Amino acid sequence: MAAASSSSPPLSASISKLAPLDEQELHLLKEVKGHEVGISELNSISSSRAVYQKSGNIFFRKSVKSAIAVEQKQLDLAKAQLEKLNAAKFLPFDVTLQEQTGYDG
């Protein structure tokens, strides 16, 4: 019996072709996901309840609405940092060459 050949490469070959994530990008992705989960959790709490939010080494009692606002702000900051990191990573070759050499032609 002949084994059926697959037209697509094995999964391990596909994964090795992907660009590896650097440590900073991985950290930011985890941070974004954590803030998204936090917002989802806070949205599931009744607005009449109070929550405790850590600031430094101290926990402060806050309303759900203000805790969501703080989490959303942190999420936006993390996403902006991630976009900035990705934009810097994928600059066109000509732009980086011009910056390094000062050659404009």
PDB file of N, CA and C in Angstrom:
ATOM      1  N   MET A   1       0.832  -1.173   0.000  1.00  0.00           N
ATOM      2  CA  MET A   1       0.000   0.000   0.000  1.00  0.00           C
ATOM      3  C   MET A   1       0.878   1.238   0.000  1.00  0.00           C
ATOM      4  N   ALA A   2       0.541   2.169  -0.817  1.00  0.00           N
ATOM      5  CA  ALA A   2       1.310   3.405  -0.889  1.00  0.00           C
ATOM      6  C   ALA A   2       0.736   4.404   0.103  1.00  0.00           C
ATOM      7  N   ALA A   3       1.641   5.102   0.785  1.00  0.00           N
ATOM      8  CA  ALA A   3       1.198   6.110   1.740  1.00  0.00           C
ATOM      9  C   ALA A   3       0.756   7.350   0.983  1.00  0.00           C
ATOM     10  N   ALA A   4      -0.310   7.947   1.465  1.00  0.00           N
ATOM     11  CA  ALA A   4      -0.824   9.157   0.824  1.00  0.00           C
ATOM     12  C   ALA A   4       0.109  10.323   1.144  1.00  0.00           C
ATOM     13  N   SER A   5       0.508  11.045   0.116  1.00  0.00           N
ATOM     14  CA  SER A   5       1.384  12.187   0.348  1.00  0.00           C
ATOM     15  C   SER A   5       0.529  13.436   0.529  1.00  0.00           C
ATOM     16  N   SER A   6       0.930  14.252   1.473  1.00  0.00           N
ATOM     17  CA  SER A   6       0.169  15.478   1.697  1.00  0.00           C
ATOM     18  C   SER A   6       0.807  16.605   0.904  1.00  0.00           C
ATOM     19  N   SER A   7      -0.018  17.498   0.418  1.00  0.00           N
ATOM     20  CA  SER A   7       0.497  18.592  -0.395  1.00  0.00           C
ATOM     21  C   SER A   7       1.035  19.732   0.462  1.00  0.00           C
ATOM     22  N   SER A   8       0.666  19.778   1.749  1.00  0.00           N
ATOM     23  CA  SER A   8       1.156  20.857   2.608  1.00  0.00           C
ATOM     24  C   SER A   8       2.336  20.354   3.437  1.00  0.00           C
ATOM     25  N   PRO A   9       3.253  21.264   3.762  1.00  0.00           N
ATOM     26  CA  PRO A   9       4.410  20.858   4.560  1.00  0.00           C
ATOM     27  C   PRO A   9       3.982  20.525   5.989  1.00  0.00           C
ATOM     28  N   PRO A  10       4.801  19.766   6.696  1.00  0.00           N
ATOM     29  CA  PRO A  10       4.447  19.428   8.068  1.00  0.00           C
ATOM     30  C   PRO A  10       4.372  20.684   8.941  1.00  0.00           C
ATOM     31  N   LEU A  11       3.628  20.578  10.026  1.00  0.00           N
ATOM     32  CA  LEU A  11       3.400  21.709  10.915  1.00  0.00           C
ATOM     33  C   LEU A  11       4.708  22.248  11.478  1.00  0.00           C
ATOM     34  N   SER A  12       5.641  21.386  11.823  1.00  0.00           N
ATOM     35  CA  SER A  12       6.912  21.840  12.392  1.00  0.00           C
ATOM     36  C   SER A  12       7.681  22.704  11.398  1.00  0.00           C
ATOM     37  N   ALA A  13       7.594  22.389  10.111  1.00  0.00           N
ATOM     38  CA  ALA A  13       8.269  23.201   9.103  1.00  0.00           C
ATOM     39  C   ALA A  13       7.604  24.563   8.973  1.00  0.00           C
ATOM     40  N   SER A  14       6.277  24.605   9.100  1.00  0.00           N
ATOM     41  CA  SER A  14       5.563  25.876   9.022  1.00  0.00           C
ATOM     42  C   SER A  14       5.895  26.756  10.215  1.00  0.00           C
ATOM     43  N   ILE A  15       5.984  26.165  11.382  1.00  0.00           N
ATOM     44  CA  ILE A  15       6.275  26.935  12.593  1.00  0.00           C
ATOM     45  C   ILE A  15       7.683  27.503  12.529  1.00  0.00           C
ATOM     46  N   SER A  16       8.622  26.742  12.015  1.00  0.00           N
ATOM     47  CA  SER A  16       9.996  27.232  11.976  1.00  0.00           C
ATOM     48  C   SER A  16      10.162  28.410  11.025  1.00  0.00           C
ATOM     49  N   LYS A  17       9.249  28.568  10.055  1.00  0.00           N
ATOM     50  CA  LYS A  17       9.322  29.680   9.124  1.00  0.00           C
ATOM     51  C   LYS A  17       8.776  30.968   9.719  1.00  0.00           C
ATOM     52  N   LEU A  18       7.989  30.871  10.777  1.00  0.00           N
ATOM     53  CA  LEU A  18       7.432  32.061  11.405  1.00  0.00           C
ATOM     54  C   LEU A  18       8.530  32.862  12.079  1.00  0.00           C
ATOM     55  N   ALA A  19       8.372  34.157  12.080  1.00  0.00           N
ATOM     56  CA  ALA A  19       9.358  35.016  12.743  1.00  0.00           C
ATOM     57  C   ALA A  19       9.255  34.813  14.248  1.00  0.00           C
ATOM     58  N   PRO A  20      10.367  34.599  14.908  1.00  0.00           N
ATOM     59  CA  PRO A  20      10.313  34.388  16.351  1.00  0.00           C
ATOM     60  C   PRO A  20       9.946  35.688  17.067  1.00  0.00           C
ATOM     61  N   LEU A  21       9.171  35.559  18.129  1.00  0.00           N
ATOM     62  CA  LEU A  21       8.800  36.714  18.921  1.00  0.00           C
ATOM     63  C   LEU A  21       9.929  37.031  19.880  1.00  0.00           C
ATOM     64  N   ASP A  22      10.281  38.302  19.965  1.00  0.00           N
ATOM     65  CA  ASP A  22      11.305  38.648  20.925  1.00  0.00           C
ATOM     66  C   ASP A  22      10.674  38.768  22.308  1.00  0.00           C
ATOM     67  N   GLU A  23      11.491  38.840  23.306  1.00  0.00           N
ATOM     68  CA  GLU A  23      11.028  38.801  24.694  1.00  0.00           C
ATOM     69  C   GLU A  23      10.112  39.967  25.024  1.00  0.00           C
ATOM     70  N   GLN A  24      10.440  41.149  24.536  1.00  0.00           N
ATOM     71  CA  GLN A  24       9.634  42.330  24.831  1.00  0.00           C
ATOM     72  C   GLN A  24       8.249  42.216  24.186  1.00  0.00           C
ATOM     73  N   GLU A  25       8.195  41.724  22.958  1.00  0.00           N
ATOM     74  CA  GLU A  25       6.921  41.568  22.267  1.00  0.00           C
ATOM     75  C   GLU A  25       6.057  40.521  22.961  1.00  0.00           C
ATOM     76  N   LEU A  26       6.666  39.443  23.389  1.00  0.00           N
ATOM     77  CA  LEU A  26       5.931  38.397  24.097  1.00  0.00           C
ATOM     78  C   LEU A  26       5.370  38.930  25.416  1.00  0.00           C
ATOM     79  N   HIS A  27       6.177  39.710  26.124  1.00  0.00           N
ATOM     80  CA  HIS A  27       5.723  40.309  27.382  1.00  0.00           C
ATOM     81  C   HIS A  27       4.532  41.237  27.143  1.00  0.00           C
ATOM     82  N   LEU A  28       4.600  42.049  26.085  1.00  0.00           N
ATOM     83  CA  LEU A  28       3.509  42.969  25.785  1.00  0.00           C
ATOM     84  C   LEU A  28       2.239  42.228  25.373  1.00  0.00           C
ATOM     85  N   LEU A  29       2.390  41.147  24.617  1.00  0.00           N
ATOM     86  CA  LEU A  29       1.224  40.354  24.236  1.00  0.00           C
ATOM     87  C   LEU A  29       0.544  39.750  25.465  1.00  0.00           C
ATOM     88  N   LYS A  30       1.340  39.255  26.410  1.00  0.00           N
ATOM     89  CA  LYS A  30       0.779  38.709  27.645  1.00  0.00           C
ATOM     90  C   LYS A  30       0.097  39.794  28.462  1.00  0.00           C
ATOM     91  N   GLU A  31       0.702  40.979  28.478  1.00  0.00           N
ATOM     92  CA  GLU A  31       0.122  42.099  29.219  1.00  0.00           C
ATOM     93  C   GLU A  31      -1.219  42.517  28.614  1.00  0.00           C
ATOM     94  N   VAL A  32      -1.289  42.589  27.291  1.00  0.00           N
ATOM     95  CA  VAL A  32      -2.531  42.945  26.609  1.00  0.00           C
ATOM     96  C   VAL A  32      -3.611  41.921  26.928  1.00  0.00           C
ATOM     97  N   LYS A  33      -3.262  40.652  26.824  1.00  0.00           N
ATOM     98  CA  LYS A  33      -4.238  39.590  27.103  1.00  0.00           C
ATOM     99  C   LYS A  33      -4.711  39.657  28.554  1.00  0.00           C
ATOM    100  N   GLY A  34      -3.800  39.929  29.482  1.00  0.00           N
ATOM    101  CA  GLY A  34      -4.161  40.034  30.896  1.00  0.00           C
ATOM    102  C   GLY A  34      -5.128  41.176  31.154  1.00  0.00           C
ATOM    103  N   HIS A  35      -4.896  42.321  30.509  1.00  0.00           N
ATOM    104  CA  HIS A  35      -5.806  43.458  30.683  1.00  0.00           C
ATOM    105  C   HIS A  35      -7.165  43.175  30.055  1.00  0.00           C
ATOM    106  N   GLU A  36      -7.178  42.488  28.918  1.00  0.00           N
ATOM    107  CA  GLU A  36      -8.450  42.128  28.285  1.00  0.00           C
ATOM    108  C   GLU A  36      -9.253  41.192  29.183  1.00  0.00           C
ATOM    109  N   VAL A  37      -8.585  40.230  29.789  1.00  0.00           N
ATOM    110  CA  VAL A  37      -9.263  39.305  30.708  1.00  0.00           C
ATOM    111  C   VAL A  37      -9.767  40.065  31.936  1.00  0.00           C
ATOM    112  N   GLY A  38      -8.935  40.983  32.443  1.00  0.00           N
ATOM    113  CA  GLY A  38      -9.331  41.773  33.605  1.00  0.00           C
ATOM    114  C   GLY A  38     -10.571  42.604  33.338  1.00  0.00           C
ATOM    115  N   ILE A  39     -10.644  43.211  32.170  1.00  0.00           N
ATOM    116  CA  ILE A  39     -11.819  44.006  31.807  1.00  0.00           C
ATOM    117  C   ILE A  39     -13.050  43.118  31.698  1.00  0.00           C
ATOM    118  N   SER A  40     -12.887  41.950  31.104  1.00  0.00           N
ATOM    119  CA  SER A  40     -14.011  41.010  30.998  1.00  0.00           C
ATOM    120  C   SER A  40     -14.503  40.581  32.375  1.00  0.00           C
ATOM    121  N   GLU A  41     -13.578  40.301  33.272  1.00  0.00           N
ATOM    122  CA  GLU A  41     -13.951  39.909  34.633  1.00  0.00           C
ATOM    123  C   GLU A  41     -14.674  41.043  35.354  1.00  0.00           C
ATOM    124  N   LEU A  42     -14.161  42.263  35.200  1.00  0.00           N
ATOM    125  CA  LEU A  42     -14.789  43.409  35.855  1.00  0.00           C
ATOM    126  C   LEU A  42     -16.173  43.687  35.288  1.00  0.00           C
ATOM    127  N   ASN A  43     -16.359  43.450  33.997  1.00  0.00           N
ATOM    128  CA  ASN A  43     -17.682  43.647  33.384  1.00  0.00           C
ATOM    129  C   ASN A  43     -18.708  42.650  33.901  1.00  0.00           C
ATOM    130  N   SER A  44     -18.257  41.516  34.408  1.00  0.00           N
ATOM    131  CA  SER A  44     -19.198  40.508  34.905  1.00  0.00           C
ATOM    132  C   SER A  44     -19.625  40.771  36.353  1.00  0.00           C
ATOM    133  N   ILE A  45     -19.017  41.775  36.993  1.00  0.00           N
ATOM    134  CA  ILE A  45     -19.360  42.104  38.377  1.00  0.00           C
ATOM    135  C   ILE A  45     -20.453  43.167  38.375  1.00  0.00           C
ATOM    136  N   SER A  46     -21.379  43.042  39.308  1.00  0.00           N
ATOM    137  CA  SER A  46     -22.448  44.018  39.452  1.00  0.00           C
ATOM    138  C   SER A  46     -21.856  45.395  39.766  1.00  0.00           C
ATOM    139  N   SER A  47     -22.435  46.432  39.173  1.00  0.00           N
ATOM    140  CA  SER A  47     -21.904  47.787  39.367  1.00  0.00           C
ATOM    141  C   SER A  47     -22.091  48.292  40.796  1.00  0.00           C
ATOM    142  N   SER A  48     -22.935  47.653  41.579  1.00  0.00           N
ATOM    143  CA  SER A  48     -23.138  48.080  42.969  1.00  0.00           C
ATOM    144  C   SER A  48     -22.044  47.544  43.899  1.00  0.00           C
ATOM    145  N   ARG A  49     -21.250  46.607  43.407  1.00  0.00           N
ATOM    146  CA  ARG A  49     -20.171  46.040  44.221  1.00  0.00           C
ATOM    147  C   ARG A  49     -18.916  46.874  44.118  1.00  0.00           C
ATOM    148  N   ALA A  50     -18.088  46.775  45.128  1.00  0.00           N
ATOM    149  CA  ALA A  50     -16.792  47.444  45.111  1.00  0.00           C
ATOM    150  C   ALA A  50     -15.713  46.401  44.843  1.00  0.00           C
ATOM    151  N   VAL A  51     -14.635  46.849  44.251  1.00  0.00           N
ATOM    152  CA  VAL A  51     -13.507  45.958  43.971  1.00  0.00           C
ATOM    153  C   VAL A  51     -12.255  46.561  44.586  1.00  0.00           C
ATOM    154  N   TYR A  52     -11.255  45.731  44.750  1.00  0.00           N
ATOM    155  CA  TYR A  52      -9.972  46.197  45.261  1.00  0.00           C
ATOM    156  C   TYR A  52      -8.965  46.149  44.131  1.00  0.00           C
ATOM    157  N   GLN A  53      -8.284  47.272  43.937  1.00  0.00           N
ATOM    158  CA  GLN A  53      -7.299  47.355  42.870  1.00  0.00           C
ATOM    159  C   GLN A  53      -5.944  47.688  43.472  1.00  0.00           C
ATOM    160  N   LYS A  54      -4.928  46.948  43.039  1.00  0.00           N
ATOM    161  CA  LYS A  54      -3.588  47.129  43.571  1.00  0.00           C
ATOM    162  C   LYS A  54      -2.902  48.307  42.900  1.00  0.00           C
ATOM    163  N   SER A  55      -2.346  49.175  43.715  1.00  0.00           N
ATOM    164  CA  SER A  55      -1.552  50.298  43.228  1.00  0.00           C
ATOM    165  C   SER A  55      -0.274  50.314  44.051  1.00  0.00           C
ATOM    166  N   GLY A  56       0.821  49.899  43.414  1.00  0.00           N
ATOM    167  CA  GLY A  56       2.062  49.729  44.168  1.00  0.00           C
ATOM    168  C   GLY A  56       1.952  48.471  45.016  1.00  0.00           C
ATOM    169  N   ASN A  57       2.144  48.602  46.322  1.00  0.00           N
ATOM    170  CA  ASN A  57       2.011  47.457  47.226  1.00  0.00           C
ATOM    171  C   ASN A  57       0.738  47.513  48.047  1.00  0.00           C
ATOM    172  N   ILE A  58      -0.152  48.459  47.729  1.00  0.00           N
ATOM    173  CA  ILE A  58      -1.355  48.676  48.524  1.00  0.00           C
ATOM    174  C   ILE A  58      -2.585  48.438  47.655  1.00  0.00           C
ATOM    175  N   PHE A  59      -3.611  47.838  48.232  1.00  0.00           N
ATOM    176  CA  PHE A  59      -4.884  47.645  47.551  1.00  0.00           C
ATOM    177  C   PHE A  59      -5.835  48.761  47.959  1.00  0.00           C
ATOM    178  N   PHE A  60      -6.516  49.351  46.965  1.00  0.00           N
ATOM    179  CA  PHE A  60      -7.478  50.415  47.208  1.00  0.00           C
ATOM    180  C   PHE A  60      -8.862  49.955  46.772  1.00  0.00           C
ATOM    181  N   ARG A  61      -9.862  50.346  47.543  1.00  0.00           N
ATOM    182  CA  ARG A  61     -11.235  49.998  47.213  1.00  0.00           C
ATOM    183  C   ARG A  61     -11.755  51.003  46.193  1.00  0.00           C
ATOM    184  N   LYS A  62     -12.302  50.501  45.081  1.00  0.00           N
ATOM    185  CA  LYS A  62     -12.790  51.348  44.003  1.00  0.00           C
ATOM    186  C   LYS A  62     -14.116  50.816  43.488  1.00  0.00           C
ATOM    187  N   SER A  63     -14.793  51.665  42.731  1.00  0.00           N
ATOM    188  CA  SER A  63     -16.002  51.200  42.063  1.00  0.00           C
ATOM    189  C   SER A  63     -15.595  50.379  40.839  1.00  0.00           C
ATOM    190  N   VAL A  64     -16.497  49.565  40.376  1.00  0.00           N
ATOM    191  CA  VAL A  64     -16.229  48.739  39.204  1.00  0.00           C
ATOM    192  C   VAL A  64     -15.958  49.629  37.992  1.00  0.00           C
ATOM    193  N   LYS A  65     -16.717  50.695  37.866  1.00  0.00           N
ATOM    194  CA  LYS A  65     -16.572  51.599  36.726  1.00  0.00           C
ATOM    195  C   LYS A  65     -15.175  52.224  36.678  1.00  0.00           C
ATOM    196  N   SER A  66     -14.652  52.677  37.816  1.00  0.00           N
ATOM    197  CA  SER A  66     -13.325  53.293  37.818  1.00  0.00           C
ATOM    198  C   SER A  66     -12.227  52.247  37.607  1.00  0.00           C
ATOM    199  N   ALA A  67     -12.443  51.045  38.109  1.00  0.00           N
ATOM    200  CA  ALA A  67     -11.460  49.975  37.891  1.00  0.00           C
ATOM    201  C   ALA A  67     -11.388  49.593  36.414  1.00  0.00           C
ATOM    202  N   ILE A  68     -12.542  49.571  35.743  1.00  0.00           N
ATOM    203  CA  ILE A  68     -12.572  49.279  34.310  1.00  0.00           C
ATOM    204  C   ILE A  68     -11.852  50.379  33.544  1.00  0.00           C
ATOM    205  N   ALA A  69     -12.057  51.629  33.945  1.00  0.00           N
ATOM    206  CA  ALA A  69     -11.400  52.752  33.270  1.00  0.00           C
ATOM    207  C   ALA A  69      -9.881  52.648  33.392  1.00  0.00           C
ATOM    208  N   VAL A  70      -9.387  52.275  34.570  1.00  0.00           N
ATOM    209  CA  VAL A  70      -7.943  52.128  34.773  1.00  0.00           C
ATOM    210  C   VAL A  70      -7.403  50.977  33.923  1.00  0.00           C
ATOM    211  N   GLU A  71      -8.110  49.860  33.903  1.00  0.00           N
ATOM    212  CA  GLU A  71      -7.679  48.705  33.103  1.00  0.00           C
ATOM    213  C   GLU A  71      -7.680  49.045  31.619  1.00  0.00           C
ATOM    214  N   GLN A  72      -8.691  49.775  31.164  1.00  0.00           N
ATOM    215  CA  GLN A  72      -8.774  50.149  29.753  1.00  0.00           C
ATOM    216  C   GLN A  72      -7.616  51.062  29.371  1.00  0.00           C
ATOM    217  N   LYS A  73      -7.266  51.981  30.269  1.00  0.00           N
ATOM    218  CA  LYS A  73      -6.146  52.882  30.006  1.00  0.00           C
ATOM    219  C   LYS A  73      -4.839  52.093  29.902  1.00  0.00           C
ATOM    220  N   GLN A  74      -4.642  51.132  30.813  1.00  0.00           N
ATOM    221  CA  GLN A  74      -3.437  50.306  30.769  1.00  0.00           C
ATOM    222  C   GLN A  74      -3.415  49.439  29.509  1.00  0.00           C
ATOM    223  N   LEU A  75      -4.585  48.945  29.094  1.00  0.00           N
ATOM    224  CA  LEU A  75      -4.684  48.156  27.869  1.00  0.00           C
ATOM    225  C   LEU A  75      -4.310  48.997  26.655  1.00  0.00           C
ATOM    226  N   ASP A  76      -4.808  50.218  26.594  1.00  0.00           N
ATOM    227  CA  ASP A  76      -4.488  51.105  25.471  1.00  0.00           C
ATOM    228  C   ASP A  76      -2.994  51.418  25.419  1.00  0.00           C
ATOM    229  N   LEU A  77      -2.382  51.637  26.579  1.00  0.00           N
ATOM    230  CA  LEU A  77      -0.947  51.908  26.622  1.00  0.00           C
ATOM    231  C   LEU A  77      -0.136  50.702  26.138  1.00  0.00           C
ATOM    232  N   ALA A  78      -0.526  49.511  26.583  1.00  0.00           N
ATOM    233  CA  ALA A  78       0.191  48.303  26.175  1.00  0.00           C
ATOM    234  C   ALA A  78       0.047  48.066  24.671  1.00  0.00           C
ATOM    235  N   LYS A  79      -1.151  48.305  24.128  1.00  0.00           N
ATOM    236  CA  LYS A  79      -1.359  48.133  22.689  1.00  0.00           C
ATOM    237  C   LYS A  79      -0.541  49.146  21.902  1.00  0.00           C
ATOM    238  N   ALA A  80      -0.460  50.375  22.398  1.00  0.00           N
ATOM    239  CA  ALA A  80       0.342  51.402  21.717  1.00  0.00           C
ATOM    240  C   ALA A  80       1.815  51.017  21.708  1.00  0.00           C
ATOM    241  N   GLN A  81       2.313  50.489  22.818  1.00  0.00           N
ATOM    242  CA  GLN A  81       3.709  50.049  22.871  1.00  0.00           C
ATOM    243  C   GLN A  81       3.954  48.896  21.905  1.00  0.00           C
ATOM    244  N   LEU A  82       2.999  47.984  21.828  1.00  0.00           N
ATOM    245  CA  LEU A  82       3.132  46.844  20.920  1.00  0.00           C
ATOM    246  C   LEU A  82       3.140  47.310  19.463  1.00  0.00           C
ATOM    247  N   GLU A  83       2.247  48.240  19.119  1.00  0.00           N
ATOM    248  CA  GLU A  83       2.224  48.771  17.760  1.00  0.00           C
ATOM    249  C   GLU A  83       3.519  49.511  17.431  1.00  0.00           C
ATOM    250  N   LYS A  84       4.031  50.256  18.395  1.00  0.00           N
ATOM    251  CA  LYS A  84       5.287  50.980  18.181  1.00  0.00           C
ATOM    252  C   LYS A  84       6.437  50.003  17.958  1.00  0.00           C
ATOM    253  N   LEU A  85       6.457  48.928  18.727  1.00  0.00           N
ATOM    254  CA  LEU A  85       7.494  47.909  18.579  1.00  0.00           C
ATOM    255  C   LEU A  85       7.397  47.235  17.220  1.00  0.00           C
ATOM    256  N   ASN A  86       6.174  46.907  16.793  1.00  0.00           N
ATOM    257  CA  ASN A  86       5.983  46.268  15.496  1.00  0.00           C
ATOM    258  C   ASN A  86       6.318  47.214  14.352  1.00  0.00           C
ATOM    259  N   ALA A  87       5.997  48.485  14.499  1.00  0.00           N
ATOM    260  CA  ALA A  87       6.312  49.456  13.444  1.00  0.00           C
ATOM    261  C   ALA A  87       7.819  49.606  13.301  1.00  0.00           C
ATOM    262  N   ALA A  88       8.531  49.615  14.409  1.00  0.00           N
ATOM    263  CA  ALA A  88       9.986  49.741  14.358  1.00  0.00           C
ATOM    264  C   ALA A  88      10.621  48.485  13.763  1.00  0.00           C
ATOM    265  N   LYS A  89      10.004  47.351  13.997  1.00  0.00           N
ATOM    266  CA  LYS A  89      10.555  46.085  13.512  1.00  0.00           C
ATOM    267  C   LYS A  89      10.433  45.968  11.993  1.00  0.00           C
ATOM    268  N   PHE A  90       9.365  46.514  11.425  1.00  0.00           N
ATOM    269  CA  PHE A  90       9.098  46.321  10.002  1.00  0.00           C
ATOM    270  C   PHE A  90       9.307  47.587   9.179  1.00  0.00           C
ATOM    271  N   LEU A  91      10.280  48.416   9.579  1.00  0.00           N
ATOM    272  CA  LEU A  91      10.611  49.575   8.767  1.00  0.00           C
ATOM    273  C   LEU A  91      11.177  49.108   7.431  1.00  0.00           C
ATOM    274  N   PRO A  92      10.851  49.802   6.364  1.00  0.00           N
ATOM    275  CA  PRO A  92      11.422  49.421   5.063  1.00  0.00           C
ATOM    276  C   PRO A  92      12.937  49.529   5.086  1.00  0.00           C
ATOM    277  N   PHE A  93      13.588  48.697   4.298  1.00  0.00           N
ATOM    278  CA  PHE A  93      15.051  48.658   4.256  1.00  0.00           C
ATOM    279  C   PHE A  93      15.621  50.015   3.848  1.00  0.00           C
ATOM    280  N   ASP A  94      14.986  50.673   2.881  1.00  0.00           N
ATOM    281  CA  ASP A  94      15.491  51.956   2.392  1.00  0.00           C
ATOM    282  C   ASP A  94      15.532  53.002   3.493  1.00  0.00           C
ATOM    283  N   VAL A  95      14.514  53.013   4.353  1.00  0.00           N
ATOM    284  CA  VAL A  95      14.456  54.007   5.419  1.00  0.00           C
ATOM    285  C   VAL A  95      15.593  53.782   6.402  1.00  0.00           C
ATOM    286  N   THR A  96      15.812  52.539   6.808  1.00  0.00           N
ATOM    287  CA  THR A  96      16.885  52.270   7.761  1.00  0.00           C
ATOM    288  C   THR A  96      18.242  52.511   7.136  1.00  0.00           C
ATOM    289  N   LEU A  97      18.397  52.219   5.855  1.00  0.00           N
ATOM    290  CA  LEU A  97      19.662  52.455   5.168  1.00  0.00           C
ATOM    291  C   LEU A  97      19.949  53.951   5.073  1.00  0.00           C
ATOM    292  N   GLN A  98      18.915  54.725   4.783  1.00  0.00           N
ATOM    293  CA  GLN A  98      19.081  56.176   4.711  1.00  0.00           C
ATOM    294  C   GLN A  98      19.471  56.754   6.068  1.00  0.00           C
ATOM    295  N   GLU A  99      18.846  56.242   7.125  1.00  0.00           N
ATOM    296  CA  GLU A  99      19.159  56.734   8.456  1.00  0.00           C
ATOM    297  C   GLU A  99      20.596  56.390   8.835  1.00  0.00           C
ATOM    298  N   GLN A 100      21.059  55.205   8.456  1.00  0.00           N
ATOM    299  CA  GLN A 100      22.402  54.765   8.842  1.00  0.00           C
ATOM    300  C   GLN A 100      23.485  55.485   8.045  1.00  0.00           C
ATOM    301  N   THR A 101      23.258  55.646   6.750  1.00  0.00           N
ATOM    302  CA  THR A 101      24.308  56.189   5.890  1.00  0.00           C
ATOM    303  C   THR A 101      24.145  57.673   5.608  1.00  0.00           C
ATOM    304  N   GLY A 102      22.938  58.185   5.741  1.00  0.00           N
ATOM    305  CA  GLY A 102      22.675  59.566   5.388  1.00  0.00           C
ATOM    306  C   GLY A 102      22.544  59.757   3.888  1.00  0.00           C
ATOM    307  N   TYR A 103      22.562  58.664   3.134  1.00  0.00           N
ATOM    308  CA  TYR A 103      22.449  58.725   1.686  1.00  0.00           C
ATOM    309  C   TYR A 103      20.996  58.855   1.294  1.00  0.00           C
ATOM    310  N   ASP A 104      20.684  59.813   0.440  1.00  0.00           N
ATOM    311  CA  ASP A 104      19.297  60.087   0.086  1.00  0.00           C
ATOM    312  C   ASP A 104      18.979  59.640  -1.336  1.00  0.00           C
ATOM    313  N   GLY A 105      19.968  59.272  -2.125  1.00  0.00           N
ATOM    314  CA  GLY A 105      19.787  59.033  -3.539  1.00  0.00           C
ATOM    315  C   GLY A 105      19.370  57.679  -3.888  1.00  0.00           C
TER     316      GLY A 105
END
